Each structure stands twice: as structure tokens, then as C-alpha cells.
PDB file of N, CA and C in Angstrom:
ATOM      1  N   UNK A   1     -26.604-102.982 -10.326  1.00  0.00           N
ATOM      2  CA  UNK A   1     -27.554-102.116  -9.744  1.00  0.00           C
ATOM      3  C   UNK A   1     -26.887-100.942 -10.989  1.00  0.00           C
ATOM      4  N   UNK A   2     -27.552-100.474 -11.429  1.00  0.00           N
ATOM      5  CA  UNK A   2     -26.488 -99.073 -12.354  1.00  0.00           C
ATOM      6  C   UNK A   2     -26.632 -97.492 -11.752  1.00  0.00           C
ATOM      7  N   UNK A   3     -25.761 -96.964 -11.385  1.00  0.00           N
ATOM      8  CA  UNK A   3     -25.181 -95.369 -11.433  1.00  0.00           C
ATOM      9  C   UNK A   3     -25.778 -94.287 -11.542  1.00  0.00           C
ATOM     10  N   UNK A   4     -26.447 -94.636 -12.759  1.00  0.00           N
ATOM     11  CA  UNK A   4     -27.304 -93.774 -13.864  1.00  0.00           C
ATOM     12  C   UNK A   4     -28.717 -93.155 -13.423  1.00  0.00           C
ATOM     13  N   UNK A   5     -29.426 -92.376 -12.954  1.00  0.00           N
ATOM     14  CA  UNK A   5     -30.596 -92.017 -12.994  1.00  0.00           C
ATOM     15  C   UNK A   5     -31.234 -91.447 -13.931  1.00  0.00           C
ATOM     16  N   UNK A   6     -32.743 -92.255 -13.798  1.00  0.00           N
ATOM     17  CA  UNK A   6     -33.572 -90.822 -15.044  1.00  0.00           C
ATOM     18  C   UNK A   6     -33.922 -90.289 -14.688  1.00  0.00           C
ATOM     19  N   UNK A   7     -33.711 -88.830 -15.090  1.00  0.00           N
ATOM     20  CA  UNK A   7     -34.330 -86.927 -14.999  1.00  0.00           C
ATOM     21  C   UNK A   7     -35.792 -87.251 -15.977  1.00  0.00           C
ATOM     22  N   UNK A   8     -36.120 -86.362 -15.392  1.00  0.00           N
ATOM     23  CA  UNK A   8     -37.788 -85.968 -16.330  1.00  0.00           C
ATOM     24  C   UNK A   8     -37.523 -84.386 -16.874  1.00  0.00           C
ATOM     25  N   UNK A   9     -38.312 -83.949 -17.336  1.00  0.00           N
ATOM     26  CA  UNK A   9     -38.933 -82.073 -17.653  1.00  0.00           C
ATOM     27  C   UNK A   9     -38.625 -81.833 -16.118  1.00  0.00           C
ATOM     28  N   UNK A  10     -39.963 -82.368 -14.916  1.00  0.00           N
ATOM     29  CA  UNK A  10     -39.813 -82.426 -13.860  1.00  0.00           C
ATOM     30  C   UNK A  10     -38.910 -81.828 -12.761  1.00  0.00           C
ATOM     31  N   UNK A  11     -38.007 -82.782 -13.156  1.00  0.00           N
ATOM     32  CA  UNK A  11     -36.956 -82.840 -12.094  1.00  0.00           C
ATOM     33  C   UNK A  11     -35.201 -82.662 -12.945  1.00  0.00           C
ATOM     34  N   UNK A  12     -35.296 -82.395 -14.013  1.00  0.00           N
ATOM     35  CA  UNK A  12     -34.031 -81.640 -14.438  1.00  0.00           C
ATOM     36  C   UNK A  12     -33.369 -80.802 -13.198  1.00  0.00           C
ATOM     37  N   UNK A  13     -34.122 -80.160 -13.398  1.00  0.00           N
ATOM     38  CA  UNK A  13     -33.351 -78.699 -12.721  1.00  0.00           C
ATOM     39  C   UNK A  13     -33.178 -78.523 -11.523  1.00  0.00           C
ATOM     40  N   UNK A  14     -33.516 -79.352 -10.444  1.00  0.00           N
ATOM     41  CA  UNK A  14     -33.146 -79.971  -9.566  1.00  0.00           C
ATOM     42  C   UNK A  14     -31.994 -81.053  -9.697  1.00  0.00           C
ATOM     43  N   UNK A  15     -31.867 -81.873 -10.736  1.00  0.00           N
ATOM     44  CA  UNK A  15     -31.025 -82.811 -10.501  1.00  0.00           C
ATOM     45  C   UNK A  15     -29.883 -82.524 -11.500  1.00  0.00           C
ATOM     46  N   UNK A  16     -30.016 -81.266 -12.106  1.00  0.00           N
ATOM     47  CA  UNK A  16     -28.979 -81.059 -13.167  1.00  0.00           C
ATOM     48  C   UNK A  16     -28.661 -79.551 -13.499  1.00  0.00           C
ATOM     49  N   UNK A  17     -29.588 -79.011 -13.227  1.00  0.00           N
ATOM     50  CA  UNK A  17     -28.841 -77.619 -13.087  1.00  0.00           C
ATOM     51  C   UNK A  17     -28.454 -77.001 -11.894  1.00  0.00           C
ATOM     52  N   UNK A  18     -29.097 -77.728 -10.792  1.00  0.00           N
ATOM     53  CA  UNK A  18     -28.501 -77.282  -9.383  1.00  0.00           C
ATOM     54  C   UNK A  18     -27.807 -77.811  -8.627  1.00  0.00           C
ATOM     55  N   UNK A  19     -27.429 -79.050  -9.572  1.00  0.00           N
ATOM     56  CA  UNK A  19     -25.796 -80.021  -9.351  1.00  0.00           C
ATOM     57  C   UNK A  19     -24.628 -79.328  -8.793  1.00  0.00           C
ATOM     58  N   UNK A  20     -24.207 -79.560  -7.240  1.00  0.00           N
ATOM     59  CA  UNK A  20     -23.046 -79.328  -7.170  1.00  0.00           C
ATOM     60  C   UNK A  20     -21.962 -80.026  -7.732  1.00  0.00           C
ATOM     61  N   UNK A  21     -22.393 -81.225  -8.097  1.00  0.00           N
ATOM     62  CA  UNK A  21     -20.908 -81.955  -8.882  1.00  0.00           C
ATOM     63  C   UNK A  21     -21.144 -81.638 -10.752  1.00  0.00           C
ATOM     64  N   UNK A  22     -20.174 -82.092 -11.307  1.00  0.00           N
ATOM     65  CA  UNK A  22     -20.587 -81.819 -12.673  1.00  0.00           C
ATOM     66  C   UNK A  22     -21.785 -83.210 -13.455  1.00  0.00           C
ATOM     67  N   UNK A  23     -22.475 -82.598 -14.058  1.00  0.00           N
ATOM     68  CA  UNK A  23     -23.582 -83.606 -14.477  1.00  0.00           C
ATOM     69  C   UNK A  23     -23.433 -84.280 -15.564  1.00  0.00           C
ATOM     70  N   UNK A  24     -23.354 -85.266 -16.488  1.00  0.00           N
ATOM     71  CA  UNK A  24     -22.967 -85.865 -17.393  1.00  0.00           C
ATOM     72  C   UNK A  24     -24.239 -86.415 -18.115  1.00  0.00           C
ATOM     73  N   UNK A  25     -25.079 -85.919 -18.982  1.00  0.00           N
ATOM     74  CA  UNK A  25     -26.687 -86.420 -19.537  1.00  0.00           C
ATOM     75  C   UNK A  25     -26.677 -87.024 -20.748  1.00  0.00           C
ATOM     76  N   UNK A  26     -27.140 -88.237 -20.862  1.00  0.00           N
ATOM     77  CA  UNK A  26     -27.562 -88.743 -21.660  1.00  0.00           C
ATOM     78  C   UNK A  26     -29.085 -88.627 -22.413  1.00  0.00           C
ATOM     79  N   UNK A  27     -28.875 -87.879 -23.200  1.00  0.00           N
ATOM     80  CA  UNK A  27     -30.684 -87.762 -23.768  1.00  0.00           C
ATOM     81  C   UNK A  27     -30.659 -88.899 -24.761  1.00  0.00           C
ATOM     82  N   UNK A  28     -31.337 -89.842 -24.827  1.00  0.00           N
ATOM     83  CA  UNK A  28     -31.536 -90.869 -25.426  1.00  0.00           C
ATOM     84  C   UNK A  28     -33.322 -91.044 -25.943  1.00  0.00           C
ATOM     85  N   UNK A  29     -33.040 -92.427 -26.474  1.00  0.00           N
ATOM     86  CA  UNK A  29     -34.826 -92.850 -26.543  1.00  0.00           C
ATOM     87  C   UNK A  29     -34.523 -94.200 -27.330  1.00  0.00           C
ATOM     88  N   UNK A  30     -36.089 -94.652 -26.400  1.00  0.00           N
ATOM     89  CA  UNK A  30     -35.911 -96.295 -26.258  1.00  0.00           C
ATOM     90  C   UNK A  30     -35.824 -97.856 -27.729  1.00  0.00           C
ATOM     91  N   UNK A  31     -35.926 -96.263 -28.816  1.00  0.00           N
ATOM     92  CA  UNK A  31     -36.131 -97.347 -29.902  1.00  0.00           C
ATOM     93  C   UNK A  31     -34.885 -97.262 -31.068  1.00  0.00           C
ATOM     94  N   UNK A  32     -33.667 -96.334 -30.303  1.00  0.00           N
ATOM     95  CA  UNK A  32     -32.575 -95.813 -30.596  1.00  0.00           C
ATOM     96  C   UNK A  32     -31.545 -96.915 -30.653  1.00  0.00           C
ATOM     97  N   UNK A  33     -31.325 -97.253 -31.295  1.00  0.00           N
ATOM     98  CA  UNK A  33     -29.884 -98.218 -31.540  1.00  0.00           C
ATOM     99  C   UNK A  33     -28.765 -97.884 -31.253  1.00  0.00           C
ATOM    100  N   UNK A  34     -28.620 -96.438 -31.569  1.00  0.00           N
ATOM    101  CA  UNK A  34     -26.689 -96.436 -30.781  1.00  0.00           C
ATOM    102  C   UNK A  34     -27.162 -96.103 -29.342  1.00  0.00           C
ATOM    103  N   UNK A  35     -27.921 -95.605 -28.620  1.00  0.00           N
ATOM    104  CA  UNK A  35     -27.893 -95.442 -27.632  1.00  0.00           C
ATOM    105  C   UNK A  35     -28.480 -96.720 -26.598  1.00  0.00           C
ATOM    106  N   UNK A  36     -28.733 -98.165 -27.169  1.00  0.00           N
ATOM    107  CA  UNK A  36     -28.995 -99.030 -26.520  1.00  0.00           C
ATOM    108  C   UNK A  36     -27.346 -99.765 -26.534  1.00  0.00           C
ATOM    109  N   UNK A  37     -26.330 -99.681 -27.890  1.00  0.00           N
ATOM    110  CA  UNK A  37     -25.022 -99.795 -27.799  1.00  0.00           C
ATOM    111  C   UNK A  37     -24.333 -98.716 -26.994  1.00  0.00           C
ATOM    112  N   UNK A  38     -24.590 -97.011 -26.920  1.00  0.00           N
ATOM    113  CA  UNK A  38     -24.120 -96.540 -25.793  1.00  0.00           C
ATOM    114  C   UNK A  38     -24.433 -97.376 -23.947  1.00  0.00           C
ATOM    115  N   UNK A  39     -25.796 -97.363 -23.498  1.00  0.00           N
ATOM    116  CA  UNK A  39     -26.402 -97.817 -22.423  1.00  0.00           C
ATOM    117  C   UNK A  39     -24.840 -98.608 -21.728  1.00  0.00           C
ATOM    118  N   UNK A  40     -24.404 -99.406 -22.193  1.00  0.00           N
ATOM    119  CA  UNK A  40     -23.454-100.084 -21.058  1.00  0.00           C
ATOM    120  C   UNK A  40     -21.879 -99.234 -20.601  1.00  0.00           C
ATOM    121  N   UNK A  41     -21.637 -98.346 -21.854  1.00  0.00           N
ATOM    122  CA  UNK A  41     -20.494 -97.377 -21.873  1.00  0.00           C
ATOM    123  C   UNK A  41     -20.855 -96.534 -20.865  1.00  0.00           C
ATOM    124  N   UNK A  42     -22.143 -96.122 -21.056  1.00  0.00           N
ATOM    125  CA  UNK A  42     -22.159 -95.035 -19.773  1.00  0.00           C
ATOM    126  C   UNK A  42     -22.465 -95.392 -18.408  1.00  0.00           C
ATOM    127  N   UNK A  43     -22.890 -96.593 -18.300  1.00  0.00           N
ATOM    128  CA  UNK A  43     -23.063 -97.497 -17.041  1.00  0.00           C
ATOM    129  C   UNK A  43     -21.072 -97.382 -16.170  1.00  0.00           C
ATOM    130  N   UNK A  44     -20.713 -97.522 -17.371  1.00  0.00           N
ATOM    131  CA  UNK A  44     -19.653 -97.770 -16.614  1.00  0.00           C
ATOM    132  C   UNK A  44     -18.864 -96.778 -16.500  1.00  0.00           C
ATOM    133  N   UNK A  45     -18.894 -95.343 -17.010  1.00  0.00           N
ATOM    134  CA  UNK A  45     -18.818 -94.523 -16.850  1.00  0.00           C
ATOM    135  C   UNK A  45     -19.252 -93.421 -15.358  1.00  0.00           C
ATOM    136  N   UNK A  46     -20.286 -94.018 -15.442  1.00  0.00           N
ATOM    137  CA  UNK A  46     -21.214 -93.538 -13.955  1.00  0.00           C
ATOM    138  C   UNK A  46     -20.479 -94.158 -13.084  1.00  0.00           C
ATOM    139  N   UNK A  47     -19.935 -95.586 -13.063  1.00  0.00           N
ATOM    140  CA  UNK A  47     -19.196 -96.218 -11.834  1.00  0.00           C
ATOM    141  C   UNK A  47     -17.617 -95.999 -11.960  1.00  0.00           C
ATOM    142  N   UNK A  48     -16.975 -96.136 -12.670  1.00  0.00           N
ATOM    143  CA  UNK A  48     -15.760 -95.186 -13.121  1.00  0.00           C
ATOM    144  C   UNK A  48     -15.813 -93.296 -12.125  1.00  0.00           C
ATOM    145  N   UNK A  49     -16.403 -92.634 -12.640  1.00  0.00           N
ATOM    146  CA  UNK A  49     -16.254 -91.448 -12.045  1.00  0.00           C
ATOM    147  C   UNK A  49     -17.216 -91.376 -10.642  1.00  0.00           C
ATOM    148  N   UNK A  50     -17.714 -92.390 -10.152  1.00  0.00           N
ATOM    149  CA  UNK A  50     -18.483 -92.313  -9.221  1.00  0.00           C
ATOM    150  C   UNK A  50     -17.978 -90.855  -8.315  1.00  0.00           C
ATOM    151  N   UNK A  51     -18.782 -89.969  -7.527  1.00  0.00           N
ATOM    152  CA  UNK A  51     -18.425 -89.001  -6.330  1.00  0.00           C
ATOM    153  C   UNK A  51     -17.835 -87.833  -7.227  1.00  0.00           C
ATOM    154  N   UNK A  52     -17.454 -87.775  -8.482  1.00  0.00           N
ATOM    155  CA  UNK A  52     -16.579 -86.845  -9.315  1.00  0.00           C
ATOM    156  C   UNK A  52     -17.455 -86.182 -10.371  1.00  0.00           C
ATOM    157  N   UNK A  53     -18.562 -87.415 -10.648  1.00  0.00           N
ATOM    158  CA  UNK A  53     -19.429 -86.934 -12.155  1.00  0.00           C
ATOM    159  C   UNK A  53     -20.835 -87.609 -11.861  1.00  0.00           C
ATOM    160  N   UNK A  54     -22.154 -86.814 -11.931  1.00  0.00           N
ATOM    161  CA  UNK A  54     -22.846 -87.011 -11.588  1.00  0.00           C
ATOM    162  C   UNK A  54     -23.954 -87.600 -13.100  1.00  0.00           C
ATOM    163  N   UNK A  55     -24.230 -88.698 -13.088  1.00  0.00           N
ATOM    164  CA  UNK A  55     -24.901 -89.243 -14.591  1.00  0.00           C
ATOM    165  C   UNK A  55     -26.387 -89.726 -14.232  1.00  0.00           C
ATOM    166  N   UNK A  56     -26.793 -89.059 -15.671  1.00  0.00           N
ATOM    167  CA  UNK A  56     -28.162 -89.044 -15.870  1.00  0.00           C
ATOM    168  C   UNK A  56     -28.550 -89.247 -16.712  1.00  0.00           C
ATOM    169  N   UNK A  57     -29.918 -89.931 -17.361  1.00  0.00           N
ATOM    170  CA  UNK A  57     -30.182 -90.636 -18.730  1.00  0.00           C
ATOM    171  C   UNK A  57     -32.215 -89.287 -18.774  1.00  0.00           C
ATOM    172  N   UNK A  58     -31.988 -88.687 -20.043  1.00  0.00           N
ATOM    173  CA  UNK A  58     -33.100 -88.181 -20.280  1.00  0.00           C
ATOM    174  C   UNK A  58     -34.046 -89.109 -21.110  1.00  0.00           C
ATOM    175  N   UNK A  59     -34.775 -89.635 -20.500  1.00  0.00           N
ATOM    176  CA  UNK A  59     -35.729 -90.148 -22.325  1.00  0.00           C
ATOM    177  C   UNK A  59     -36.337 -88.925 -22.943  1.00  0.00           C
ATOM    178  N   UNK A  60     -35.912 -88.868 -24.927  1.00  0.00           N
ATOM    179  CA  UNK A  60     -36.547 -87.313 -25.392  1.00  0.00           C
ATOM    180  C   UNK A  60     -37.932 -88.034 -25.532  1.00  0.00           C
ATOM    181  N   UNK A  61     -38.473 -88.951 -25.405  1.00  0.00           N
ATOM    182  CA  UNK A  61     -39.670 -89.103 -25.964  1.00  0.00           C
ATOM    183  C   UNK A  61     -40.661 -88.784 -24.553  1.00  0.00           C
ATOM    184  N   UNK A  62     -40.122 -88.814 -23.601  1.00  0.00           N
ATOM    185  CA  UNK A  62     -40.710 -88.967 -22.066  1.00  0.00           C
ATOM    186  C   UNK A  62     -40.273 -87.282 -21.579  1.00  0.00           C
ATOM    187  N   UNK A  63     -39.279 -86.451 -22.154  1.00  0.00           N
ATOM    188  CA  UNK A  63     -38.892 -85.609 -21.282  1.00  0.00           C
ATOM    189  C   UNK A  63     -38.979 -84.381 -22.480  1.00  0.00           C
ATOM    190  N   UNK A  64     -39.996 -84.262 -23.438  1.00  0.00           N
ATOM    191  CA  UNK A  64     -39.729 -83.345 -24.725  1.00  0.00           C
ATOM    192  C   UNK A  64     -38.874 -82.235 -24.766  1.00  0.00           C
ATOM    193  N   UNK A  65     -39.707 -81.651 -23.386  1.00  0.00           N
ATOM    194  CA  UNK A  65     -39.362 -80.354 -22.738  1.00  0.00           C
ATOM    195  C   UNK A  65     -38.208 -79.844 -22.586  1.00  0.00           C
ATOM    196  N   UNK A  66     -37.496 -81.092 -22.022  1.00  0.00           N
ATOM    197  CA  UNK A  66     -36.314 -80.600 -21.716  1.00  0.00           C
ATOM    198  C   UNK A  66     -35.317 -80.811 -23.100  1.00  0.00           C
ATOM    199  N   UNK A  67     -35.350 -81.769 -23.799  1.00  0.00           N
ATOM    200  CA  UNK A  67     -34.906 -82.059 -25.051  1.00  0.00           C
ATOM    201  C   UNK A  67     -35.101 -81.039 -25.904  1.00  0.00           C
ATOM    202  N   UNK A  68     -36.124 -80.172 -26.318  1.00  0.00           N
ATOM    203  CA  UNK A  68     -36.355 -79.147 -26.768  1.00  0.00           C
ATOM    204  C   UNK A  68     -35.532 -77.803 -26.550  1.00  0.00           C
ATOM    205  N   UNK A  69     -35.316 -77.678 -25.022  1.00  0.00           N
ATOM    206  CA  UNK A  69     -35.050 -76.488 -24.519  1.00  0.00           C
ATOM    207  C   UNK A  69     -33.588 -76.369 -24.849  1.00  0.00           C
ATOM    208  N   UNK A  70     -32.811 -77.500 -24.729  1.00  0.00           N
ATOM    209  CA  UNK A  70     -31.688 -78.020 -24.904  1.00  0.00           C
ATOM    210  C   UNK A  70     -31.025 -77.918 -26.547  1.00  0.00           C
ATOM    211  N   UNK A  71     -32.209 -78.159 -27.247  1.00  0.00           N
ATOM    212  CA  UNK A  71     -32.066 -78.451 -29.176  1.00  0.00           C
ATOM    213  C   UNK A  71     -31.431 -79.628 -29.382  1.00  0.00           C
ATOM    214  N   UNK A  72     -31.786 -80.305 -28.315  1.00  0.00           N
ATOM    215  CA  UNK A  72     -31.163 -82.126 -28.901  1.00  0.00           C
ATOM    216  C   UNK A  72     -32.022 -82.621 -29.553  1.00  0.00           C
ATOM    217  N   UNK A  73     -31.755 -82.817 -30.886  1.00  0.00           N
ATOM    218  CA  UNK A  73     -32.468 -83.088 -31.854  1.00  0.00           C
ATOM    219  C   UNK A  73     -32.434 -84.385 -32.668  1.00  0.00           C
ATOM    220  N   UNK A  74     -30.972 -85.072 -31.873  1.00  0.00           N
ATOM    221  CA  UNK A  74     -30.443 -86.731 -32.878  1.00  0.00           C
ATOM    222  C   UNK A  74     -30.256 -86.977 -30.881  1.00  0.00           C
ATOM    223  N   UNK A  75     -30.337 -88.721 -31.416  1.00  0.00           N
ATOM    224  CA  UNK A  75     -29.697 -89.234 -30.169  1.00  0.00           C
ATOM    225  C   UNK A  75     -28.681 -89.815 -30.664  1.00  0.00           C
ATOM    226  N   UNK A  76     -27.742 -90.494 -29.710  1.00  0.00           N
ATOM    227  CA  UNK A  76     -28.174 -89.999 -28.026  1.00  0.00           C
ATOM    228  C   UNK A  76     -26.613 -88.659 -28.710  1.00  0.00           C
ATOM    229  N   UNK A  77     -27.369 -87.812 -27.614  1.00  0.00           N
ATOM    230  CA  UNK A  77     -26.674 -86.592 -27.689  1.00  0.00           C
ATOM    231  C   UNK A  77     -26.128 -86.718 -25.823  1.00  0.00           C
ATOM    232  N   UNK A  78     -24.619 -86.001 -25.921  1.00  0.00           N
ATOM    233  CA  UNK A  78     -24.383 -86.181 -24.340  1.00  0.00           C
ATOM    234  C   UNK A  78     -23.907 -85.090 -24.184  1.00  0.00           C
ATOM    235  N   UNK A  79     -24.258 -84.404 -22.688  1.00  0.00           N
ATOM    236  CA  UNK A  79     -23.694 -83.188 -22.257  1.00  0.00           C
ATOM    237  C   UNK A  79     -23.590 -82.930 -21.135  1.00  0.00           C
ATOM    238  N   UNK A  80     -22.707 -81.893 -20.816  1.00  0.00           N
ATOM    239  CA  UNK A  80     -22.279 -82.631 -19.689  1.00  0.00           C
ATOM    240  C   UNK A  80     -22.345 -80.764 -19.253  1.00  0.00           C
ATOM    241  N   UNK A  81     -23.118 -80.434 -17.546  1.00  0.00           N
ATOM    242  CA  UNK A  81     -23.532 -79.196 -17.264  1.00  0.00           C
ATOM    243  C   UNK A  81     -22.415 -79.342 -16.415  1.00  0.00           C
ATOM    244  N   UNK A  82     -22.027 -78.327 -16.022  1.00  0.00           N
ATOM    245  CA  UNK A  82     -21.095 -77.477 -14.766  1.00  0.00           C
ATOM    246  C   UNK A  82     -21.466 -76.257 -13.884  1.00  0.00           C
ATOM    247  N   UNK A  83     -21.653 -76.132 -12.632  1.00  0.00           N
ATOM    248  CA  UNK A  83     -22.612 -75.073 -11.949  1.00  0.00           C
ATOM    249  C   UNK A  83     -23.814 -74.382 -12.828  1.00  0.00           C
ATOM    250  N   UNK A  84     -24.235 -75.494 -12.837  1.00  0.00           N
ATOM    251  CA  UNK A  84     -25.834 -74.873 -14.159  1.00  0.00           C
ATOM    252  C   UNK A  84     -25.476 -74.856 -15.257  1.00  0.00           C
ATOM    253  N   UNK A  85     -24.281 -74.608 -16.092  1.00  0.00           N
ATOM    254  CA  UNK A  85     -24.336 -74.532 -17.277  1.00  0.00           C
ATOM    255  C   UNK A  85     -23.452 -75.279 -18.718  1.00  0.00           C
ATOM    256  N   UNK A  86     -24.100 -75.388 -19.403  1.00  0.00           N
ATOM    257  CA  UNK A  86     -23.384 -76.354 -20.367  1.00  0.00           C
ATOM    258  C   UNK A  86     -22.006 -75.966 -20.945  1.00  0.00           C
ATOM    259  N   UNK A  87     -21.226 -77.151 -20.439  1.00  0.00           N
ATOM    260  CA  UNK A  87     -19.796 -77.196 -20.750  1.00  0.00           C
ATOM    261  C   UNK A  87     -19.218 -77.813 -21.824  1.00  0.00           C
ATOM    262  N   UNK A  88     -19.742 -78.858 -22.222  1.00  0.00           N
ATOM    263  CA  UNK A  88     -19.654 -79.809 -23.086  1.00  0.00           C
ATOM    264  C   UNK A  88     -20.725 -80.624 -24.375  1.00  0.00           C
ATOM    265  N   UNK A  89     -20.810 -80.715 -25.125  1.00  0.00           N
ATOM    266  CA  UNK A  89     -21.713 -81.757 -26.179  1.00  0.00           C
ATOM    267  C   UNK A  89     -20.963 -82.686 -26.719  1.00  0.00           C
ATOM    268  N   UNK A  90     -21.528 -83.812 -26.984  1.00  0.00           N
ATOM    269  CA  UNK A  90     -21.407 -85.045 -28.101  1.00  0.00           C
ATOM    270  C   UNK A  90     -22.434 -85.497 -28.866  1.00  0.00           C
ATOM    271  N   UNK A  91     -21.932 -85.934 -29.920  1.00  0.00           N
ATOM    272  CA  UNK A  91     -23.576 -86.180 -30.408  1.00  0.00           C
ATOM    273  C   UNK A  91     -22.990 -87.532 -31.237  1.00  0.00           C
ATOM    274  N   UNK A  92     -23.959 -88.933 -30.955  1.00  0.00           N
ATOM    275  CA  UNK A  92     -23.967 -90.427 -31.945  1.00  0.00           C
ATOM    276  C   UNK A  92     -22.858 -90.875 -30.927  1.00  0.00           C
ATOM    277  N   UNK A  93     -22.845 -92.094 -30.989  1.00  0.00           N
ATOM    278  CA  UNK A  93     -21.820 -93.154 -30.021  1.00  0.00           C
ATOM    279  C   UNK A  93     -20.546 -93.442 -30.501  1.00  0.00           C
ATOM    280  N   UNK A  94     -19.939 -93.773 -29.503  1.00  0.00           N
ATOM    281  CA  UNK A  94     -18.101 -93.846 -29.923  1.00  0.00           C
ATOM    282  C   UNK A  94     -17.608 -94.696 -28.998  1.00  0.00           C
ATOM    283  N   UNK A  95     -16.369 -95.604 -29.419  1.00  0.00           N
ATOM    284  CA  UNK A  95     -16.135 -96.439 -28.391  1.00  0.00           C
ATOM    285  C   UNK A  95     -15.870 -95.614 -26.731  1.00  0.00           C
ATOM    286  N   UNK A  96     -15.444 -96.516 -25.612  1.00  0.00           N
ATOM    287  CA  UNK A  96     -15.328 -96.022 -24.694  1.00  0.00           C
ATOM    288  C   UNK A  96     -14.381 -95.268 -24.802  1.00  0.00           C
ATOM    289  N   UNK A  97     -13.267 -95.589 -24.671  1.00  0.00           N
ATOM    290  CA  UNK A  97     -12.135 -94.634 -24.834  1.00  0.00           C
ATOM    291  C   UNK A  97     -11.990 -93.721 -25.394  1.00  0.00           C
ATOM    292  N   UNK A  98     -12.709 -93.078 -26.803  1.00  0.00           N
ATOM    293  CA  UNK A  98     -12.753 -92.089 -27.449  1.00  0.00           C
ATOM    294  C   UNK A  98     -13.666 -91.466 -26.289  1.00  0.00           C
ATOM    295  N   UNK A  99     -14.827 -91.934 -26.346  1.00  0.00           N
ATOM    296  CA  UNK A  99     -15.739 -91.516 -25.341  1.00  0.00           C
ATOM    297  C   UNK A  99     -15.275 -90.386 -24.146  1.00  0.00           C
ATOM    298  N   UNK A 100     -14.393 -91.456 -23.396  1.00  0.00           N
ATOM    299  CA  UNK A 100     -14.114 -90.580 -22.195  1.00  0.00           C
ATOM    300  C   UNK A 100     -12.836 -89.966 -22.550  1.00  0.00           C
ATOM    301  N   UNK A 101     -12.027 -90.232 -23.169  1.00  0.00           N
ATOM    302  CA  UNK A 101     -11.168 -88.982 -23.915  1.00  0.00           C
ATOM    303  C   UNK A 101     -11.488 -87.452 -23.961  1.00  0.00           C
ATOM    304  N   UNK A 102     -12.307 -87.880 -24.428  1.00  0.00           N
ATOM    305  CA  UNK A 102     -13.331 -86.207 -25.329  1.00  0.00           C
ATOM    306  C   UNK A 102     -13.885 -86.044 -23.978  1.00  0.00           C
ATOM    307  N   UNK A 103     -14.466 -86.458 -23.163  1.00  0.00           N
ATOM    308  CA  UNK A 103     -15.166 -85.939 -21.748  1.00  0.00           C
ATOM    309  C   UNK A 103     -14.481 -85.656 -20.790  1.00  0.00           C
ATOM    310  N   UNK A 104     -13.010 -85.995 -20.501  1.00  0.00           N
ATOM    311  CA  UNK A 104     -12.395 -85.670 -19.855  1.00  0.00           C
ATOM    312  C   UNK A 104     -11.423 -83.892 -20.021  1.00  0.00           C
ATOM    313  N   UNK A 105     -11.827 -83.858 -21.101  1.00  0.00           N
ATOM    314  CA  UNK A 105     -11.391 -82.033 -20.969  1.00  0.00           C
ATOM    315  C   UNK A 105     -13.111 -81.248 -20.657  1.00  0.00           C
ATOM    316  N   UNK A 106     -13.773 -81.886 -20.190  1.00  0.00           N
ATOM    317  CA  UNK A 106     -14.741 -81.150 -20.072  1.00  0.00           C
ATOM    318  C   UNK A 106     -15.052 -81.321 -18.321  1.00  0.00           C
ATOM    319  N   UNK A 107     -14.098 -81.815 -17.894  1.00  0.00           N
ATOM    320  CA  UNK A 107     -14.179 -82.201 -16.642  1.00  0.00           C
ATOM    321  C   UNK A 107     -13.169 -81.081 -15.459  1.00  0.00           C
TER     322      UNK A 107
END
């Protein structure tokens, strides 16, 4: 069972912006090959950081308003929100070690 929650245009504010815990958002699309490659890595990050980092996914085709509001034009795009503000962004797929190393700076 994945620790990654699906978030929509309707639930984005309550799940991400109003979260007391830092949130990693995976903006993805079902048809995106690199997104599919990153999915198991994101699941592992969610397990590794459970309790310290909330991990959510936003399907850009289903939640286009949220993707547009945050300027997401390429997938996958990863964003960290802390205290309701974006503090980190990374575009594209990466090996887990490189992704986590980069992510550490945002936490």
C-alpha cells in the first residue's frame, strides 16, 4: 500500500497549502513515461520520510487548474511546500540517490 495520496483541484489547498508538515507534490500524467519511472521512487521516499514529509500526487490532466496555477508545464515536476509556500522545485526523472540528495536541501 502506497503512502502517496492523490490530490485534486478541490483538495489541493486543504492537503498541501494548509498542511502543518512539509509536502512533496508529484505533478504527473498517466501517459508520461518518466513519471511512471519515478513512481516507485516517490513511493519509497514517502515510506522513508513518513511522519516528516507528506507525499501527494497531482494528475495534471485531471487537475489542470492546480497545475496551471503553479506553472507546471512539464512532467514530472516535483515541488515541496512548507508553511503554505513553495520552497523547492525539480523537473524530470532522476535516480533515487540524486533525487533524495536534492530534496534534502528543502527539508
